[in-house]
Every structure is written in C-alpha cells, then in structure tokens.
C-alpha cells in the first residue's frame, strides 16, 4: 500500500445529501466528536432513537468507559441490534475507542461481557510490559492496508489514545492499523461497512480530522 507521507490536509467540505448520526447512549465524549464532525462539514444528528438514526446515511459510535456498562446501555436502548442491522445493510458505521471495542464478540473487562459480534474476536487487557495503564498519549499508527477512510492520511503518524484494553481480531484481514505501547496492539479494524479506531480522531489534529472528513465523504457516497 502506498500512502502519502506529508501531513494531512482537509478535503473540501462535501456533506450535501448525507446526515451523519451520532449515537448518544451516555458513554462517550459526544460533544467533542460532534464538533469535530461539524468542523469537517458534516450535518450531525445526535440521537439514541433507532427510528431517528435510521434516517442517517452513516453512523458514529463514540465511547468512553467500561465495556460491560456500554453494551448494557446499547442493549437497553435497542441500539445493539440496530447497529448490527445497519452494518449488515452496508451503512457506514465508525466506532471510536470503546465504540470500536463493543463491536467485538466479547470483552474480559470487569468479569467479561458479550459484545455486538460485528467483528469476530475479543477485547483483552493491554499487556504493556512495565508501562502504566491506561495508555494515555500519542502512539504512531502503521496502516496495514488501504481504506477509503485513509485517503490523504499520513502513514506512520501519531494518534491520541486513551485505553487499558485492546482488540484482538480473529481474522487478520480485519486489521487496518497497528500501534505500539510496550507491545504492538491493533488500533484500527475494518470489516464490511464497519470501521473501528481505538484512538480518538477528534483529538488527533489534522490527521484525525482528515479521517473523519473521509468518513463523511463515504457517507455522502452512500446516501
């Protein structure tokens, strides 16, 4: 894969014909993600109602906190089955941080819990050798393959992470990006219309904003 090495630049704003739904289930830094999406030209609809979110051309699932509580909140609102159906229907969905983790089959956090099963695999505590957890800070991401979300995004560039657990996909082909904190860990996955990132693009300067802008463009194309 050949990706540009220069710093990312934002593409022209092109959100006409598409609305990005921001899933509001009480487990994320919703406002910062909303502002970042608006900054790159998205029209954002914030809701916890599947009937409302069903009208959107693409969906963003943020998340900060513990896996068991997050999946419980999603299930209580009927959002787990809704998101699974949306991905099955080819609707672009972006999971951020915990929003990526809950897409997996299961997590060992706090005694364990089942996830949505969108991406086969498990979420386990990050084995960071002698480094402290949570991992808070910038880590360089190496992209394993190409993706529409990576157009114009620099290769081997730092993104901002905050996490103690890491995803372990069953299928190597689902791995999109890898970073390192004591040990290598998967920091981005892509399967069907679902893309997940462990890092926070909304806090990762131009390279993060470029990724979000590319996601908006994917949503425009899907509208």
C-alpha atoms as a PDB file:
ATOM      1  CA  UNK A   1       0.000   0.000   0.000  1.00  0.00           C
ATOM      2  CA  UNK A   2       1.248   3.448  -0.852  1.00  0.00           C
ATOM      3  CA  UNK A   3       0.066   6.244   1.380  1.00  0.00           C
ATOM      4  CA  UNK A   4       1.287   9.870   1.354  1.00  0.00           C
ATOM      5  CA  UNK A   5       3.930  10.795   3.887  1.00  0.00           C
ATOM      6  CA  UNK A   6       3.137  14.502   4.050  1.00  0.00           C
ATOM      7  CA  UNK A   7       0.952  15.943   6.826  1.00  0.00           C
ATOM      8  CA  UNK A   8      -2.753  15.533   6.205  1.00  0.00           C
ATOM      9  CA  UNK A   9      -4.787  18.316   4.660  1.00  0.00           C
ATOM     10  CA  UNK A  10      -8.541  18.524   4.875  1.00  0.00           C
ATOM     11  CA  UNK A  11     -10.602  17.858   1.737  1.00  0.00           C
ATOM     12  CA  UNK A  12     -13.315  20.248   0.566  1.00  0.00           C
ATOM     13  CA  UNK A  13     -16.465  20.073   2.641  1.00  0.00           C
ATOM     14  CA  UNK A  14     -18.957  17.807   0.916  1.00  0.00           C
ATOM     15  CA  UNK A  15     -21.780  16.770   3.206  1.00  0.00           C
ATOM     16  CA  UNK A  16     -24.707  17.627   0.920  1.00  0.00           C
ATOM     17  CA  UNK A  17     -27.162  14.783   0.682  1.00  0.00           C
ATOM     18  CA  UNK A  18     -25.995  12.984   3.813  1.00  0.00           C
ATOM     19  CA  UNK A  19     -26.571  13.215   7.533  1.00  0.00           C
ATOM     20  CA  UNK A  20     -24.202  11.544   9.975  1.00  0.00           C
ATOM     21  CA  UNK A  21     -25.923  10.110  13.031  1.00  0.00           C
ATOM     22  CA  UNK A  22     -24.032  10.355  16.320  1.00  0.00           C
ATOM     23  CA  UNK A  23     -25.198   7.574  18.641  1.00  0.00           C
ATOM     24  CA  UNK A  24     -25.901   9.117  22.044  1.00  0.00           C
ATOM     25  CA  UNK A  25     -26.064   6.284  24.589  1.00  0.00           C
ATOM     26  CA  UNK A  26     -24.474   8.041  27.561  1.00  0.00           C
ATOM     27  CA  UNK A  27     -20.986   6.535  27.232  1.00  0.00           C
ATOM     28  CA  UNK A  28     -18.917   8.943  25.194  1.00  0.00           C
ATOM     29  CA  UNK A  29     -17.352  12.347  24.763  1.00  0.00           C
ATOM     30  CA  UNK A  30     -20.238  13.095  22.444  1.00  0.00           C
ATOM     31  CA  UNK A  31     -19.794  16.852  22.196  1.00  0.00           C
ATOM     32  CA  UNK A  32     -16.141  16.770  21.086  1.00  0.00           C
ATOM     33  CA  UNK A  33     -16.923  14.207  18.385  1.00  0.00           C
ATOM     34  CA  UNK A  34     -19.921  16.225  17.261  1.00  0.00           C
ATOM     35  CA  UNK A  35     -17.834  19.399  16.986  1.00  0.00           C
ATOM     36  CA  UNK A  36     -15.101  17.617  15.019  1.00  0.00           C
ATOM     37  CA  UNK A  37     -17.635  16.183  12.560  1.00  0.00           C
ATOM     38  CA  UNK A  38     -19.206  19.602  12.114  1.00  0.00           C
ATOM     39  CA  UNK A  39     -15.738  21.099  11.602  1.00  0.00           C
ATOM     40  CA  UNK A  40     -15.156  18.843   8.581  1.00  0.00           C
ATOM     41  CA  UNK A  41     -18.530  19.716   7.089  1.00  0.00           C
ATOM     42  CA  UNK A  42     -20.888  17.042   8.377  1.00  0.00           C
ATOM     43  CA  UNK A  43     -24.517  17.607   9.199  1.00  0.00           C
ATOM     44  CA  UNK A  44     -24.811  15.775  12.509  1.00  0.00           C
ATOM     45  CA  UNK A  45     -27.945  14.295  14.046  1.00  0.00           C
ATOM     46  CA  UNK A  46     -27.488  13.311  17.701  1.00  0.00           C
ATOM     47  CA  UNK A  47     -29.931  10.706  18.994  1.00  0.00           C
ATOM     48  CA  UNK A  48     -30.411   7.472  20.938  1.00  0.00           C
ATOM     49  CA  UNK A  49     -33.531   6.542  18.973  1.00  0.00           C
ATOM     50  CA  UNK A  50     -33.046   3.843  16.304  1.00  0.00           C
ATOM     51  CA  UNK A  51     -36.024   5.225  14.374  1.00  0.00           C
ATOM     52  CA  UNK A  52     -34.336   8.622  14.162  1.00  0.00           C
ATOM     53  CA  UNK A  53     -30.840   7.284  13.479  1.00  0.00           C
ATOM     54  CA  UNK A  54     -32.241   5.004  10.795  1.00  0.00           C
ATOM     55  CA  UNK A  55     -32.667   8.013   8.517  1.00  0.00           C
ATOM     56  CA  UNK A  56     -28.931   8.793   8.576  1.00  0.00           C
ATOM     57  CA  UNK A  57     -26.516   7.954   5.769  1.00  0.00           C
ATOM     58  CA  UNK A  58     -23.820   6.923   8.237  1.00  0.00           C
ATOM     59  CA  UNK A  59     -23.364   6.456  11.974  1.00  0.00           C
ATOM     60  CA  UNK A  60     -20.629   7.231  14.511  1.00  0.00           C
ATOM     61  CA  UNK A  61     -20.496   5.277  17.759  1.00  0.00           C
ATOM     62  CA  UNK A  62     -18.243   7.029  20.306  1.00  0.00           C
ATOM     63  CA  UNK A  63     -17.418   5.592  23.696  1.00  0.00           C
ATOM     64  CA  UNK A  64     -15.506   6.221  26.912  1.00  0.00           C
ATOM     65  CA  UNK A  65     -15.709   3.952  29.957  1.00  0.00           C
ATOM     66  CA  UNK A  66     -16.179   0.242  30.679  1.00  0.00           C
ATOM     67  CA  UNK A  67     -17.276  -2.336  28.101  1.00  0.00           C
ATOM     68  CA  UNK A  68     -19.974  -4.088  30.230  1.00  0.00           C
ATOM     69  CA  UNK A  69     -21.761  -0.843  31.051  1.00  0.00           C
ATOM     70  CA  UNK A  70     -21.556   0.342  27.445  1.00  0.00           C
ATOM     71  CA  UNK A  71     -23.058  -2.797  25.938  1.00  0.00           C
ATOM     72  CA  UNK A  72     -25.741  -2.808  28.628  1.00  0.00           C
ATOM     73  CA  UNK A  73     -26.685   0.756  27.694  1.00  0.00           C
ATOM     74  CA  UNK A  74     -26.771  -0.083  23.989  1.00  0.00           C
ATOM     75  CA  UNK A  75     -28.988  -3.115  24.583  1.00  0.00           C
ATOM     76  CA  UNK A  76     -31.360  -1.213  26.863  1.00  0.00           C
ATOM     77  CA  UNK A  77     -31.953   1.258  24.027  1.00  0.00           C
ATOM     78  CA  UNK A  78     -32.192  -1.390  21.313  1.00  0.00           C
ATOM     79  CA  UNK A  79     -29.108   0.043  19.663  1.00  0.00           C
ATOM     80  CA  UNK A  80     -27.046  -3.157  19.591  1.00  0.00           C
ATOM     81  CA  UNK A  81     -29.377  -4.959  17.172  1.00  0.00           C
ATOM     82  CA  UNK A  82     -29.949  -1.710  15.274  1.00  0.00           C
ATOM     83  CA  UNK A  83     -26.223  -1.145  14.686  1.00  0.00           C
ATOM     84  CA  UNK A  84     -25.686  -4.764  13.691  1.00  0.00           C
ATOM     85  CA  UNK A  85     -28.505  -4.480  11.147  1.00  0.00           C
ATOM     86  CA  UNK A  86     -27.155  -1.201   9.790  1.00  0.00           C
ATOM     87  CA  UNK A  87     -23.728  -2.749   9.179  1.00  0.00           C
ATOM     88  CA  UNK A  88     -25.350  -5.790   7.559  1.00  0.00           C
ATOM     89  CA  UNK A  89     -27.222  -3.401   5.263  1.00  0.00           C
ATOM     90  CA  UNK A  90     -23.992  -1.702   4.189  1.00  0.00           C
ATOM     91  CA  UNK A  91     -24.499   1.560   6.083  1.00  0.00           C
ATOM     92  CA  UNK A  92     -21.119   3.132   7.005  1.00  0.00           C
ATOM     93  CA  UNK A  93     -20.502   2.918  10.762  1.00  0.00           C
ATOM     94  CA  UNK A  94     -17.451   4.297  12.589  1.00  0.00           C
ATOM     95  CA  UNK A  95     -16.691   3.103  16.129  1.00  0.00           C
ATOM     96  CA  UNK A  96     -14.353   5.262  18.211  1.00  0.00           C
ATOM     97  CA  UNK A  97     -12.409   3.885  21.213  1.00  0.00           C
ATOM     98  CA  UNK A  98     -14.962   1.961  23.311  1.00  0.00           C
ATOM     99  CA  UNK A  99     -17.279   2.237  20.307  1.00  0.00           C
ATOM    100  CA  UNK A 100     -14.813   0.022  18.459  1.00  0.00           C
ATOM    101  CA  UNK A 101     -14.463  -2.460  21.311  1.00  0.00           C
ATOM    102  CA  UNK A 102     -18.188  -3.156  21.760  1.00  0.00           C
ATOM    103  CA  UNK A 103     -18.361  -4.221  18.111  1.00  0.00           C
ATOM    104  CA  UNK A 104     -16.326  -7.336  19.014  1.00  0.00           C
ATOM    105  CA  UNK A 105     -17.678 -10.684  20.237  1.00  0.00           C
ATOM    106  CA  UNK A 106     -16.696 -10.244  23.873  1.00  0.00           C
ATOM    107  CA  UNK A 107     -14.502  -8.475  26.426  1.00  0.00           C
ATOM    108  CA  UNK A 108     -12.764  -9.689  29.581  1.00  0.00           C
ATOM    109  CA  UNK A 109     -13.217  -6.316  31.303  1.00  0.00           C
ATOM    110  CA  UNK A 110     -14.872  -6.394  34.750  1.00  0.00           C
ATOM    111  CA  UNK A 111     -15.687 -10.079  34.657  1.00  0.00           C
ATOM    112  CA  UNK A 112     -16.488 -10.181  30.970  1.00  0.00           C
ATOM    113  CA  UNK A 113     -19.416  -9.334  28.701  1.00  0.00           C
ATOM    114  CA  UNK A 114     -20.658 -10.192  25.235  1.00  0.00           C
ATOM    115  CA  UNK A 115     -20.413  -7.563  22.529  1.00  0.00           C
ATOM    116  CA  UNK A 116     -22.306  -6.996  19.290  1.00  0.00           C
ATOM    117  CA  UNK A 117     -20.316  -9.527  17.272  1.00  0.00           C
ATOM    118  CA  UNK A 118     -19.849  -7.280  14.254  1.00  0.00           C
ATOM    119  CA  UNK A 119     -16.123  -8.050  14.252  1.00  0.00           C
ATOM    120  CA  UNK A 120     -15.057 -11.579  15.288  1.00  0.00           C
ATOM    121  CA  UNK A 121     -12.603 -11.523  18.162  1.00  0.00           C
ATOM    122  CA  UNK A 122     -12.085 -10.491  21.765  1.00  0.00           C
ATOM    123  CA  UNK A 123     -11.081  -7.466  23.815  1.00  0.00           C
ATOM    124  CA  UNK A 124      -8.463  -8.082  26.496  1.00  0.00           C
ATOM    125  CA  UNK A 125      -6.323  -6.009  28.853  1.00  0.00           C
ATOM    126  CA  UNK A 126      -3.367  -4.456  27.100  1.00  0.00           C
ATOM    127  CA  UNK A 127      -0.156  -6.239  28.102  1.00  0.00           C
ATOM    128  CA  UNK A 128       2.086  -3.195  28.148  1.00  0.00           C
ATOM    129  CA  UNK A 129       5.082  -4.769  29.918  1.00  0.00           C
ATOM    130  CA  UNK A 130       6.269  -2.314  32.569  1.00  0.00           C
ATOM    131  CA  UNK A 131       4.311   0.663  31.251  1.00  0.00           C
ATOM    132  CA  UNK A 132       1.429   2.111  33.228  1.00  0.00           C
ATOM    133  CA  UNK A 133      -2.198   1.665  32.277  1.00  0.00           C
ATOM    134  CA  UNK A 134      -4.268   3.258  30.996  1.00  0.00           C
ATOM    135  CA  UNK A 135      -2.264   4.125  27.921  1.00  0.00           C
ATOM    136  CA  UNK A 136      -2.771   7.864  27.621  1.00  0.00           C
ATOM    137  CA  UNK A 137      -0.986   9.752  24.888  1.00  0.00           C
ATOM    138  CA  UNK A 138       0.213   9.712  21.317  1.00  0.00           C
ATOM    139  CA  UNK A 139       1.236   6.493  19.567  1.00  0.00           C
ATOM    140  CA  UNK A 140       2.313   6.054  15.983  1.00  0.00           C
ATOM    141  CA  UNK A 141      -0.132   4.113  13.804  1.00  0.00           C
ATOM    142  CA  UNK A 142       1.075   1.895  10.987  1.00  0.00           C
ATOM    143  CA  UNK A 143      -1.608   1.254   8.390  1.00  0.00           C
ATOM    144  CA  UNK A 144      -1.706  -2.371   7.269  1.00  0.00           C
ATOM    145  CA  UNK A 145      -3.781  -1.798   4.136  1.00  0.00           C
ATOM    146  CA  UNK A 146      -5.734   0.824   2.271  1.00  0.00           C
ATOM    147  CA  UNK A 147      -9.209   2.124   3.089  1.00  0.00           C
ATOM    148  CA  UNK A 148     -11.458   4.935   1.820  1.00  0.00           C
ATOM    149  CA  UNK A 149     -11.047   6.490   5.288  1.00  0.00           C
ATOM    150  CA  UNK A 150      -7.302   6.841   4.721  1.00  0.00           C
ATOM    151  CA  UNK A 151      -7.288   8.996   1.586  1.00  0.00           C
ATOM    152  CA  UNK A 152      -4.660  11.678   2.176  1.00  0.00           C
ATOM    153  CA  UNK A 153      -3.920  10.407   5.700  1.00  0.00           C
ATOM    154  CA  UNK A 154      -0.229  10.192   6.516  1.00  0.00           C
ATOM    155  CA  UNK A 155       1.430   6.829   7.057  1.00  0.00           C
ATOM    156  CA  UNK A 156       3.099   6.086  10.432  1.00  0.00           C
ATOM    157  CA  UNK A 157       1.725   9.183  12.163  1.00  0.00           C
ATOM    158  CA  UNK A 158       0.816   9.694  15.825  1.00  0.00           C
ATOM    159  CA  UNK A 159      -2.786   9.485  17.042  1.00  0.00           C
ATOM    160  CA  UNK A 160      -4.115  10.171  20.529  1.00  0.00           C
ATOM    161  CA  UNK A 161      -5.053   7.087  22.584  1.00  0.00           C
ATOM    162  CA  UNK A 162      -6.740   6.584  25.972  1.00  0.00           C
ATOM    163  CA  UNK A 163      -7.346   2.911  26.833  1.00  0.00           C
ATOM    164  CA  UNK A 164      -6.428  -0.060  29.006  1.00  0.00           C
ATOM    165  CA  UNK A 165      -7.889  -2.786  26.779  1.00  0.00           C
ATOM    166  CA  UNK A 166      -7.082  -3.736  23.209  1.00  0.00           C
ATOM    167  CA  UNK A 167      -8.951  -5.570  20.464  1.00  0.00           C
ATOM    168  CA  UNK A 168      -7.751  -8.924  19.146  1.00  0.00           C
ATOM    169  CA  UNK A 169      -9.496  -9.707  15.835  1.00  0.00           C
ATOM    170  CA  UNK A 170      -9.871 -13.365  14.890  1.00  0.00           C
ATOM    171  CA  UNK A 171      -9.414 -12.594  11.199  1.00  0.00           C
ATOM    172  CA  UNK A 172      -6.100 -10.916  10.230  1.00  0.00           C
ATOM    173  CA  UNK A 173      -7.814  -9.366   7.207  1.00  0.00           C
ATOM    174  CA  UNK A 174      -9.927  -7.238   9.569  1.00  0.00           C
ATOM    175  CA  UNK A 175      -6.834  -5.421  10.878  1.00  0.00           C
ATOM    176  CA  UNK A 176      -6.496  -1.932   9.426  1.00  0.00           C
ATOM    177  CA  UNK A 177      -3.901  -0.312  11.706  1.00  0.00           C
ATOM    178  CA  UNK A 178      -1.406  -1.277  14.413  1.00  0.00           C
ATOM    179  CA  UNK A 179       0.286   0.835  17.093  1.00  0.00           C
ATOM    180  CA  UNK A 180       2.617   0.068  19.990  1.00  0.00           C
ATOM    181  CA  UNK A 181       2.620   0.707  23.724  1.00  0.00           C
ATOM    182  CA  UNK A 182       5.088  -1.681  25.306  1.00  0.00           C
ATOM    183  CA  UNK A 183       3.761  -4.253  22.837  1.00  0.00           C
ATOM    184  CA  UNK A 184       2.077  -3.955  19.427  1.00  0.00           C
ATOM    185  CA  UNK A 185      -1.726  -3.728  19.532  1.00  0.00           C
ATOM    186  CA  UNK A 186      -4.494  -3.407  16.973  1.00  0.00           C
ATOM    187  CA  UNK A 187      -5.701   0.180  16.858  1.00  0.00           C
ATOM    188  CA  UNK A 188      -7.946   0.101  13.782  1.00  0.00           C
ATOM    189  CA  UNK A 189     -10.157  -2.521  12.153  1.00  0.00           C
ATOM    190  CA  UNK A 190     -12.363  -2.634   9.091  1.00  0.00           C
ATOM    191  CA  UNK A 191     -14.950  -5.279   8.242  1.00  0.00           C
ATOM    192  CA  UNK A 192     -17.679  -4.682   5.697  1.00  0.00           C
ATOM    193  CA  UNK A 193     -19.135  -1.214   6.262  1.00  0.00           C
ATOM    194  CA  UNK A 194     -17.810  -1.045   9.840  1.00  0.00           C
ATOM    195  CA  UNK A 195     -14.566   0.726  10.711  1.00  0.00           C
ATOM    196  CA  UNK A 196     -13.279   0.988  14.262  1.00  0.00           C
ATOM    197  CA  UNK A 197     -10.415   3.032  15.695  1.00  0.00           C
ATOM    198  CA  UNK A 198      -9.002   2.700  19.191  1.00  0.00           C
ATOM    199  CA  UNK A 199      -7.578   6.217  19.068  1.00  0.00           C
ATOM    200  CA  UNK A 200      -9.562   9.452  19.200  1.00  0.00           C
ATOM    201  CA  UNK A 201      -9.577  11.117  15.748  1.00  0.00           C
ATOM    202  CA  UNK A 202     -11.420  14.107  17.200  1.00  0.00           C
ATOM    203  CA  UNK A 203      -8.348  14.774  19.394  1.00  0.00           C
ATOM    204  CA  UNK A 204      -5.678  13.858  16.831  1.00  0.00           C
ATOM    205  CA  UNK A 205      -5.103  17.115  14.958  1.00  0.00           C
ATOM    206  CA  UNK A 206      -5.271  17.256  11.151  1.00  0.00           C
ATOM    207  CA  UNK A 207      -4.700  13.549  10.590  1.00  0.00           C
ATOM    208  CA  UNK A 208      -7.676  12.730  12.812  1.00  0.00           C
ATOM    209  CA  UNK A 209      -9.852  15.350  11.172  1.00  0.00           C
ATOM    210  CA  UNK A 210      -8.877  14.059   7.743  1.00  0.00           C
ATOM    211  CA  UNK A 211     -10.025  10.572   8.718  1.00  0.00           C
ATOM    212  CA  UNK A 212     -13.351  11.974   9.919  1.00  0.00           C
ATOM    213  CA  UNK A 213     -13.709  14.017   6.730  1.00  0.00           C
ATOM    214  CA  UNK A 214     -13.122  10.873   4.685  1.00  0.00           C
ATOM    215  CA  UNK A 215     -15.807   9.078   6.689  1.00  0.00           C
ATOM    216  CA  UNK A 216     -18.241  11.900   5.903  1.00  0.00           C
ATOM    217  CA  UNK A 217     -17.363  11.535   2.215  1.00  0.00           C
ATOM    218  CA  UNK A 218     -18.097   7.802   2.429  1.00  0.00           C
ATOM    219  CA  UNK A 219     -21.474   8.648   3.958  1.00  0.00           C
ATOM    220  CA  UNK A 220     -22.163  11.132   1.143  1.00  0.00           C
ATOM    221  CA  UNK A 221     -21.421   8.433  -1.426  1.00  0.00           C
ATOM    222  CA  UNK A 222     -23.723   6.024   0.400  1.00  0.00           C
ATOM    223  CA  UNK A 223     -26.628   8.471   0.606  1.00  0.00           C
END
